[in-house]
């Protein structure tokens, strides 16, 4: 449970970093970043798998590049729904979603997974 909260905080920090790096993405404050990180996590857990299955043929034809467009579309959608988190343009959403994924992956890699038990 603590690990989940830490990852949520790190994702919010990653979102703030993306907003700092890209002028076309704005986050008003850290509370808005927390809400956006939660919404992005929810959307990526519920909606993204459904879209991935529905668009599997086009994803195969484009060798997986269509997943970047799905990621950008979902990132843009969350920006349209939430106050305090704005994404100005679809291609900014694609690049922002890619940056957000890379930064959150790098930050999550810093967290130890847990204690490993030794087999006897």
N, C-alpha and C. Protein backbone atom coordinates (compact mmCIF):
# COMPACT_ATOMS: atom_id res chain seq x y z
N UNK A 1 0.82 -1.19 0.00
CA UNK A 1 0.00 0.00 0.00
C UNK A 1 0.86 1.26 0.00
N UNK A 2 1.94 1.23 0.78
CA UNK A 2 2.83 2.38 0.84
C UNK A 2 3.52 2.56 -0.51
N UNK A 3 3.89 1.46 -1.13
CA UNK A 3 4.54 1.52 -2.45
C UNK A 3 3.61 2.18 -3.47
N UNK A 4 2.33 1.86 -3.43
CA UNK A 4 1.37 2.46 -4.35
C UNK A 4 1.27 3.97 -4.15
N UNK A 5 1.26 4.42 -2.91
CA UNK A 5 1.21 5.86 -2.62
C UNK A 5 2.48 6.56 -3.08
N UNK A 6 3.63 5.91 -2.89
CA UNK A 6 4.90 6.49 -3.33
C UNK A 6 4.93 6.60 -4.85
N UNK A 7 4.46 5.58 -5.54
CA UNK A 7 4.43 5.63 -7.00
C UNK A 7 3.46 6.71 -7.48
N UNK A 8 2.35 6.88 -6.80
CA UNK A 8 1.41 7.95 -7.14
C UNK A 8 2.07 9.32 -6.99
N UNK A 9 2.80 9.53 -5.91
CA UNK A 9 3.50 10.79 -5.70
C UNK A 9 4.59 11.00 -6.77
N UNK A 10 5.30 9.93 -7.11
CA UNK A 10 6.33 10.03 -8.14
C UNK A 10 5.72 10.32 -9.51
N UNK A 11 4.56 9.74 -9.80
CA UNK A 11 3.89 10.03 -11.06
C UNK A 11 3.44 11.48 -11.12
N UNK A 12 3.00 12.02 -9.99
CA UNK A 12 2.63 13.44 -9.95
C UNK A 12 3.86 14.31 -10.17
N UNK A 13 4.99 13.92 -9.58
CA UNK A 13 6.24 14.65 -9.80
C UNK A 13 6.68 14.55 -11.27
N UNK A 14 6.48 13.39 -11.87
CA UNK A 14 6.81 13.22 -13.29
C UNK A 14 5.93 14.12 -14.15
N UNK A 15 4.68 14.26 -13.78
CA UNK A 15 3.78 15.14 -14.52
C UNK A 15 4.20 16.60 -14.39
N UNK A 16 4.66 16.98 -13.22
CA UNK A 16 5.18 18.33 -13.03
C UNK A 16 6.44 18.54 -13.87
N UNK A 17 7.28 17.51 -13.98
CA UNK A 17 8.49 17.61 -14.79
C UNK A 17 8.14 17.76 -16.27
N UNK A 18 7.13 17.03 -16.73
CA UNK A 18 6.70 17.15 -18.13
C UNK A 18 6.17 18.55 -18.39
N UNK A 19 5.42 19.10 -17.45
CA UNK A 19 4.89 20.46 -17.60
C UNK A 19 6.03 21.48 -17.61
N UNK A 20 7.09 21.20 -16.88
CA UNK A 20 8.25 22.09 -16.87
C UNK A 20 9.01 22.02 -18.20
N UNK A 21 9.12 20.82 -18.76
CA UNK A 21 9.88 20.63 -19.99
C UNK A 21 9.11 21.06 -21.24
N UNK A 22 7.80 20.96 -21.19
CA UNK A 22 6.99 21.28 -22.37
C UNK A 22 6.06 22.46 -22.08
N UNK A 23 6.24 23.58 -22.77
CA UNK A 23 5.37 24.73 -22.51
C UNK A 23 3.92 24.52 -22.95
N UNK A 24 3.66 23.52 -23.78
CA UNK A 24 2.29 23.27 -24.24
C UNK A 24 1.48 22.42 -23.27
N UNK A 25 2.10 22.02 -22.15
CA UNK A 25 1.39 21.28 -21.10
C UNK A 25 1.53 22.09 -19.82
N UNK A 26 0.40 22.37 -19.18
CA UNK A 26 0.44 23.16 -17.96
C UNK A 26 -0.24 22.41 -16.82
N UNK A 27 0.38 22.51 -15.66
CA UNK A 27 -0.18 21.98 -14.42
C UNK A 27 -0.12 23.12 -13.42
N UNK A 28 -1.27 23.48 -12.85
CA UNK A 28 -1.32 24.66 -12.00
C UNK A 28 -0.61 24.48 -10.67
N UNK A 29 -0.78 23.32 -10.04
CA UNK A 29 -0.14 23.09 -8.74
C UNK A 29 0.02 21.59 -8.52
N UNK A 30 0.62 21.22 -7.38
CA UNK A 30 0.90 19.81 -7.12
C UNK A 30 -0.38 19.03 -6.86
N UNK A 31 -1.39 19.66 -6.30
CA UNK A 31 -2.67 18.96 -6.08
C UNK A 31 -3.30 18.60 -7.43
N UNK A 32 -3.23 19.51 -8.39
CA UNK A 32 -3.74 19.20 -9.73
C UNK A 32 -2.92 18.08 -10.36
N UNK A 33 -1.61 18.07 -10.10
CA UNK A 33 -0.76 16.99 -10.62
C UNK A 33 -1.13 15.66 -9.97
N UNK A 34 -1.45 15.67 -8.68
CA UNK A 34 -1.88 14.44 -8.01
C UNK A 34 -3.18 13.91 -8.61
N UNK A 35 -4.12 14.81 -8.85
CA UNK A 35 -5.40 14.40 -9.43
C UNK A 35 -5.21 13.89 -10.86
N UNK A 36 -4.35 14.56 -11.63
CA UNK A 36 -4.09 14.13 -13.00
C UNK A 36 -3.37 12.79 -13.03
N UNK A 37 -2.43 12.58 -12.12
CA UNK A 37 -1.72 11.30 -12.05
C UNK A 37 -2.68 10.18 -11.69
N UNK A 38 -3.60 10.45 -10.79
CA UNK A 38 -4.61 9.45 -10.44
C UNK A 38 -5.51 9.14 -11.64
N UNK A 39 -5.95 10.20 -12.33
CA UNK A 39 -6.82 10.02 -13.50
C UNK A 39 -6.09 9.28 -14.62
N UNK A 40 -4.82 9.61 -14.85
CA UNK A 40 -4.05 8.91 -15.87
C UNK A 40 -3.86 7.45 -15.50
N UNK A 41 -3.62 7.17 -14.24
CA UNK A 41 -3.51 5.78 -13.80
C UNK A 41 -4.80 5.02 -13.99
N UNK A 42 -5.91 5.66 -13.67
CA UNK A 42 -7.22 5.03 -13.84
C UNK A 42 -7.52 4.76 -15.31
N UNK A 43 -7.28 5.76 -16.14
CA UNK A 43 -7.54 5.62 -17.58
C UNK A 43 -6.64 4.55 -18.18
N UNK A 44 -5.37 4.52 -17.78
CA UNK A 44 -4.45 3.52 -18.32
C UNK A 44 -4.77 2.12 -17.82
N UNK A 45 -5.44 2.02 -16.69
CA UNK A 45 -5.80 0.71 -16.16
C UNK A 45 -7.11 0.20 -16.76
N UNK A 46 -8.07 1.07 -16.99
CA UNK A 46 -9.40 0.65 -17.42
C UNK A 46 -9.59 0.80 -18.93
N UNK A 47 -9.35 1.98 -19.47
CA UNK A 47 -9.70 2.27 -20.86
C UNK A 47 -8.63 1.80 -21.85
N UNK A 48 -7.36 1.97 -21.50
CA UNK A 48 -6.29 1.63 -22.44
C UNK A 48 -6.30 0.17 -22.88
N UNK A 49 -6.49 -0.81 -21.98
CA UNK A 49 -6.54 -2.21 -22.47
C UNK A 49 -7.67 -2.47 -23.45
N UNK A 50 -8.81 -1.82 -23.25
CA UNK A 50 -9.93 -2.00 -24.17
C UNK A 50 -9.58 -1.42 -25.54
N UNK A 51 -9.00 -0.22 -25.56
CA UNK A 51 -8.60 0.39 -26.83
C UNK A 51 -7.50 -0.41 -27.50
N UNK A 52 -6.61 -0.98 -26.71
CA UNK A 52 -5.53 -1.78 -27.27
C UNK A 52 -6.07 -3.01 -27.99
N UNK A 53 -7.04 -3.66 -27.40
CA UNK A 53 -7.64 -4.84 -28.04
C UNK A 53 -8.43 -4.44 -29.29
N UNK A 54 -9.19 -3.35 -29.20
CA UNK A 54 -10.01 -2.92 -30.34
C UNK A 54 -9.16 -2.47 -31.53
N UNK A 55 -7.99 -1.92 -31.26
CA UNK A 55 -7.14 -1.39 -32.35
C UNK A 55 -5.96 -2.30 -32.65
N UNK A 56 -6.05 -3.56 -32.25
CA UNK A 56 -4.95 -4.49 -32.48
C UNK A 56 -4.57 -4.63 -33.96
N UNK A 57 -5.51 -4.74 -34.88
CA UNK A 57 -5.10 -4.87 -36.29
C UNK A 57 -4.29 -3.69 -36.81
N UNK A 58 -4.73 -2.46 -36.49
CA UNK A 58 -3.97 -1.30 -36.96
C UNK A 58 -2.64 -1.17 -36.23
N UNK A 59 -2.57 -1.63 -35.00
CA UNK A 59 -1.32 -1.60 -34.27
C UNK A 59 -0.32 -2.58 -34.87
N UNK A 60 -0.81 -3.71 -35.34
CA UNK A 60 0.07 -4.67 -36.00
C UNK A 60 0.56 -4.11 -37.33
N UNK A 61 -0.33 -3.48 -38.08
CA UNK A 61 0.06 -2.90 -39.37
C UNK A 61 1.08 -1.78 -39.23
N UNK A 62 0.99 -1.02 -38.14
CA UNK A 62 1.92 0.10 -37.94
C UNK A 62 3.11 -0.30 -37.06
N UNK A 63 3.25 -1.59 -36.82
CA UNK A 63 4.36 -2.12 -36.01
C UNK A 63 4.40 -1.53 -34.60
N UNK A 64 3.25 -1.24 -34.06
CA UNK A 64 3.15 -0.77 -32.69
C UNK A 64 3.17 0.73 -32.51
N UNK A 65 3.40 1.48 -33.57
CA UNK A 65 3.44 2.93 -33.43
C UNK A 65 2.08 3.53 -33.11
N UNK A 66 1.01 2.81 -33.41
CA UNK A 66 -0.32 3.31 -33.10
C UNK A 66 -0.55 3.39 -31.59
N UNK A 67 0.20 2.60 -30.81
CA UNK A 67 0.10 2.68 -29.35
C UNK A 67 0.50 4.07 -28.84
N UNK A 68 1.45 4.72 -29.52
CA UNK A 68 1.83 6.08 -29.14
C UNK A 68 0.65 7.04 -29.34
N UNK A 69 -0.11 6.83 -30.41
CA UNK A 69 -1.27 7.68 -30.65
C UNK A 69 -2.37 7.43 -29.62
N UNK A 70 -2.56 6.17 -29.23
CA UNK A 70 -3.53 5.86 -28.18
C UNK A 70 -3.11 6.51 -26.87
N UNK A 71 -1.82 6.41 -26.55
CA UNK A 71 -1.30 7.01 -25.33
C UNK A 71 -1.51 8.53 -25.35
N UNK A 72 -1.22 9.15 -26.48
CA UNK A 72 -1.43 10.60 -26.60
C UNK A 72 -2.89 10.99 -26.52
N UNK A 73 -3.75 10.18 -27.12
CA UNK A 73 -5.19 10.45 -27.06
C UNK A 73 -5.70 10.40 -25.63
N UNK A 74 -5.28 9.41 -24.87
CA UNK A 74 -5.72 9.30 -23.47
C UNK A 74 -5.15 10.43 -22.62
N UNK A 75 -3.88 10.79 -22.88
CA UNK A 75 -3.25 11.90 -22.16
C UNK A 75 -4.01 13.20 -22.45
N UNK A 76 -4.36 13.41 -23.70
CA UNK A 76 -5.10 14.60 -24.12
C UNK A 76 -6.50 14.61 -23.51
N UNK A 77 -7.15 13.45 -23.45
CA UNK A 77 -8.48 13.34 -22.88
C UNK A 77 -8.49 13.74 -21.41
N UNK A 78 -7.50 13.27 -20.66
CA UNK A 78 -7.42 13.63 -19.24
C UNK A 78 -7.19 15.13 -19.10
N UNK A 79 -6.39 15.70 -19.99
CA UNK A 79 -6.17 17.14 -19.98
C UNK A 79 -7.44 17.94 -20.26
N UNK A 80 -8.34 17.39 -21.07
CA UNK A 80 -9.60 18.07 -21.37
C UNK A 80 -10.60 17.96 -20.22
N UNK A 81 -10.52 16.88 -19.45
CA UNK A 81 -11.51 16.63 -18.41
C UNK A 81 -11.17 17.34 -17.10
N UNK A 82 -9.91 17.37 -16.74
CA UNK A 82 -9.52 17.91 -15.43
C UNK A 82 -9.20 19.39 -15.48
N UNK A 83 -9.58 20.09 -14.43
CA UNK A 83 -9.17 21.48 -14.25
C UNK A 83 -7.79 21.49 -13.62
N UNK A 84 -6.94 22.41 -14.05
CA UNK A 84 -5.61 22.52 -13.50
C UNK A 84 -4.56 21.73 -14.26
N UNK A 85 -4.99 20.92 -15.20
CA UNK A 85 -4.08 20.16 -16.06
C UNK A 85 -4.55 20.35 -17.49
N UNK A 86 -3.74 21.03 -18.29
CA UNK A 86 -4.13 21.35 -19.66
C UNK A 86 -3.08 20.88 -20.64
N UNK A 87 -3.55 20.31 -21.73
CA UNK A 87 -2.69 19.88 -22.83
C UNK A 87 -3.16 20.63 -24.06
N UNK A 88 -2.27 21.40 -24.66
CA UNK A 88 -2.62 22.25 -25.80
C UNK A 88 -2.19 21.57 -27.10
N UNK A 89 -3.04 20.74 -27.64
CA UNK A 89 -2.78 20.11 -28.92
C UNK A 89 -2.54 18.61 -28.82
N UNK A 90 -2.91 17.92 -29.89
CA UNK A 90 -2.80 16.46 -29.90
C UNK A 90 -1.34 16.00 -29.93
N UNK A 91 -0.51 16.63 -30.76
CA UNK A 91 0.88 16.19 -30.86
C UNK A 91 1.66 16.53 -29.60
N UNK A 92 1.26 17.58 -28.90
CA UNK A 92 1.85 17.86 -27.59
C UNK A 92 1.47 16.76 -26.62
N UNK A 93 0.25 16.24 -26.76
CA UNK A 93 -0.20 15.14 -25.90
C UNK A 93 0.58 13.86 -26.19
N UNK A 94 0.86 13.60 -27.47
CA UNK A 94 1.64 12.41 -27.82
C UNK A 94 3.04 12.49 -27.22
N UNK A 95 3.70 13.63 -27.43
CA UNK A 95 5.05 13.80 -26.87
C UNK A 95 5.02 13.86 -25.35
N UNK A 96 4.01 14.52 -24.79
CA UNK A 96 3.88 14.59 -23.34
C UNK A 96 3.61 13.23 -22.72
N UNK A 97 2.77 12.43 -23.36
CA UNK A 97 2.51 11.08 -22.86
C UNK A 97 3.75 10.22 -22.90
N UNK A 98 4.54 10.38 -23.96
CA UNK A 98 5.79 9.63 -24.07
C UNK A 98 6.78 10.05 -22.99
N UNK A 99 6.94 11.35 -22.81
CA UNK A 99 7.83 11.86 -21.75
C UNK A 99 7.35 11.44 -20.36
N UNK A 100 6.05 11.54 -20.14
CA UNK A 100 5.48 11.14 -18.84
C UNK A 100 5.75 9.67 -18.55
N UNK A 101 5.58 8.83 -19.55
CA UNK A 101 5.86 7.41 -19.38
C UNK A 101 7.32 7.14 -19.08
N UNK A 102 8.21 7.81 -19.79
CA UNK A 102 9.64 7.60 -19.56
C UNK A 102 10.09 8.09 -18.19
N UNK A 103 9.62 9.28 -17.81
CA UNK A 103 10.03 9.84 -16.52
C UNK A 103 9.45 9.03 -15.37
N UNK A 104 8.16 8.63 -15.47
CA UNK A 104 7.59 7.83 -14.37
C UNK A 104 8.22 6.46 -14.29
N UNK A 105 8.59 5.87 -15.43
CA UNK A 105 9.28 4.59 -15.42
C UNK A 105 10.63 4.71 -14.74
N UNK A 106 11.37 5.79 -15.05
CA UNK A 106 12.69 5.99 -14.43
C UNK A 106 12.56 6.23 -12.93
N UNK A 107 11.57 7.00 -12.52
CA UNK A 107 11.39 7.25 -11.08
C UNK A 107 10.92 6.00 -10.35
N UNK A 108 10.06 5.21 -10.96
CA UNK A 108 9.58 3.98 -10.32
C UNK A 108 10.69 2.94 -10.22
N UNK A 109 11.66 3.00 -11.13
CA UNK A 109 12.78 2.07 -11.07
C UNK A 109 13.67 2.33 -9.87
N UNK A 110 13.59 3.52 -9.30
CA UNK A 110 14.39 3.85 -8.12
C UNK A 110 13.85 3.23 -6.84
N UNK A 111 12.60 2.81 -6.86
CA UNK A 111 11.97 2.24 -5.67
C UNK A 111 12.29 0.75 -5.60
N UNK A 112 12.80 0.31 -4.47
CA UNK A 112 13.04 -1.14 -4.35
C UNK A 112 11.72 -1.90 -4.32
N UNK A 113 11.72 -3.07 -4.90
CA UNK A 113 10.50 -3.87 -5.01
C UNK A 113 10.10 -4.42 -3.66
N UNK A 114 11.01 -4.80 -2.88
CA UNK A 114 10.69 -5.35 -1.56
C UNK A 114 11.80 -6.31 -1.15
N UNK A 115 11.62 -6.86 0.04
CA UNK A 115 12.62 -7.79 0.55
C UNK A 115 12.45 -9.13 -0.15
N UNK A 116 13.57 -9.66 -0.58
CA UNK A 116 13.54 -10.97 -1.21
C UNK A 116 13.91 -12.01 -0.14
N UNK A 117 13.10 -13.03 -0.05
CA UNK A 117 13.37 -14.07 0.92
C UNK A 117 14.36 -15.06 0.34
N UNK A 118 15.22 -15.55 1.21
CA UNK A 118 16.21 -16.53 0.78
C UNK A 118 15.60 -17.92 0.88
N UNK A 119 15.76 -18.68 -0.15
CA UNK A 119 15.25 -20.07 -0.15
C UNK A 119 16.24 -20.94 0.60
N UNK A 120 15.71 -21.81 1.43
CA UNK A 120 16.59 -22.70 2.20
C UNK A 120 16.58 -24.07 1.63
